Amino acid sequence: MMSAEFILSFEDNNWYAAHFDEITQNITRLETFSELFEGREFRLAGIEPRSASDWSYDVRIFLEQKRIFLEISAYPKSIEHEMSVLFEWISSCIRISINDEDGEPLNW
């Protein structure tokens, strides 16, 4: 299974540092949130039916020091919706950019 990797960057890294706990809380409140792994890796799993061969998560969100790194392995509707909600909330607070691993801007 191929995953897509994205980087969410903030116009002001001071905002990210000041709101880190709030971002964490918003991620853990998502209906698709499944587990916190090793402190800064959040795993999301779509609420749609899964087969036994599917991974236990669809998205991994890594809260890095100055950015958020996203690894998306599946795009069920519930994941698409909740990622949009999360990004809309963050972008209502501060200007962000979301780029793919090659640095190309992404319109989420």
Protein backbone atom coordinates (compact mmCIF):
# COMPACT_ATOMS: atom_id res chain seq x y z
CA MET A 1 0.00 0.00 0.00
CA MET A 2 1.42 3.39 -1.01
CA SER A 3 0.97 6.34 1.27
CA ALA A 4 0.97 10.03 0.47
CA GLU A 5 3.04 12.39 2.57
CA PHE A 6 2.19 16.01 3.26
CA ILE A 7 3.68 18.81 5.30
CA LEU A 8 1.51 21.40 7.02
CA SER A 9 3.55 24.56 7.71
CA PHE A 10 2.58 27.64 9.66
CA GLU A 11 3.09 31.27 8.68
CA ASP A 12 4.13 31.89 12.29
CA ASN A 13 5.86 29.07 14.18
CA ASN A 14 5.27 30.95 17.44
CA TRP A 15 1.53 30.43 16.96
CA TYR A 16 2.09 26.68 16.52
CA ALA A 17 4.17 26.48 19.70
CA ALA A 18 1.64 28.56 21.68
CA HIS A 19 -1.32 26.45 20.48
CA PHE A 20 0.33 23.02 20.49
CA ASP A 21 -1.90 21.70 23.29
CA GLU A 22 -5.03 23.00 21.56
CA ILE A 23 -4.01 21.30 18.30
CA THR A 24 -3.41 18.07 20.22
CA GLN A 25 -6.84 18.30 21.84
CA ASN A 26 -8.54 18.93 18.49
CA ILE A 27 -6.88 15.87 16.97
CA THR A 28 -7.83 13.60 19.87
CA ARG A 29 -11.46 14.82 19.67
CA LEU A 30 -11.83 13.64 16.08
CA GLU A 31 -14.21 10.71 15.71
CA THR A 32 -11.56 8.90 13.65
CA PHE A 33 -8.82 9.32 16.30
CA SER A 34 -7.67 5.84 17.27
CA GLU A 35 -4.45 6.15 19.27
CA LEU A 36 -1.54 8.28 20.36
CA PHE A 37 1.70 6.48 19.61
CA GLU A 38 4.96 7.45 21.32
CA GLY A 39 3.74 10.90 22.38
CA ARG A 40 3.64 12.83 19.08
CA GLU A 41 2.23 10.39 16.54
CA PHE A 42 -1.54 10.46 16.27
CA ARG A 43 -3.27 7.70 14.35
CA LEU A 44 -6.66 8.05 12.70
CA ALA A 45 -8.82 5.25 11.32
CA GLY A 46 -11.88 5.74 9.16
CA ILE A 47 -15.18 4.68 10.68
CA GLU A 48 -16.15 2.75 7.53
CA PRO A 49 -16.07 -1.07 7.67
CA ARG A 50 -12.53 -2.48 7.44
CA SER A 51 -11.22 -5.80 6.21
CA ALA A 52 -8.88 -7.88 8.35
CA SER A 53 -6.03 -7.16 5.92
CA ASP A 54 -6.33 -3.36 6.30
CA TRP A 55 -3.87 -1.49 8.44
CA SER A 56 -5.18 -0.44 11.85
CA TYR A 57 -4.99 3.24 10.79
CA ASP A 58 -5.48 5.36 7.67
CA VAL A 59 -3.57 8.48 8.70
CA ARG A 60 -0.58 9.20 10.89
CA ILE A 61 -0.11 12.78 12.08
CA PHE A 62 3.31 13.66 13.46
CA LEU A 63 3.52 16.89 15.47
CA GLU A 64 7.08 17.99 14.77
CA GLN A 65 8.87 20.97 16.28
CA LYS A 66 7.91 23.53 13.60
CA ARG A 67 5.45 21.70 11.35
CA ILE A 68 2.96 18.86 11.10
CA PHE A 69 3.90 15.87 8.97
CA LEU A 70 1.03 13.77 7.61
CA GLU A 71 1.18 10.28 6.19
CA ILE A 72 -2.09 9.24 4.57
CA SER A 73 -2.47 5.64 3.49
CA ALA A 74 -6.23 5.59 2.82
CA TYR A 75 -8.91 8.21 2.13
CA PRO A 76 -12.27 6.93 3.33
CA LYS A 77 -14.98 9.61 3.46
CA SER A 78 -14.77 9.93 7.25
CA ILE A 79 -11.04 10.67 7.04
CA GLU A 80 -11.48 13.20 4.22
CA HIS A 81 -14.17 14.97 6.22
CA GLU A 82 -12.28 15.11 9.49
CA MET A 83 -8.99 16.17 7.91
CA SER A 84 -10.89 19.01 6.21
CA VAL A 85 -12.45 20.01 9.54
CA LEU A 86 -9.05 20.01 11.25
CA PHE A 87 -7.37 22.02 8.48
CA GLU A 88 -10.26 24.51 8.33
CA TRP A 89 -10.02 25.09 12.08
CA ILE A 90 -6.25 25.65 11.95
CA SER A 91 -6.52 27.92 8.90
CA SER A 92 -9.23 29.96 10.64
CA CYS A 93 -6.60 30.79 13.27
CA ILE A 94 -3.47 31.27 11.16
CA ARG A 95 -2.32 31.09 7.55
CA ILE A 96 -1.01 27.62 6.71
CA SER A 97 0.37 25.86 3.68
CA ILE A 98 0.00 22.18 2.89
CA ASN A 99 2.52 20.75 0.46
CA ASP A 100 3.30 17.29 -0.82
CA GLU A 101 6.67 15.64 -0.28
CA ASP A 102 8.01 17.41 -3.40
CA GLY A 103 7.02 20.83 -2.03
CA GLU A 104 4.08 21.22 -4.40
CA PRO A 105 1.14 23.12 -2.85
CA LEU A 106 -1.97 21.10 -2.17
CA ASN A 107 -5.52 22.41 -2.10
CA TRP A 108 -7.17 20.34 0.57
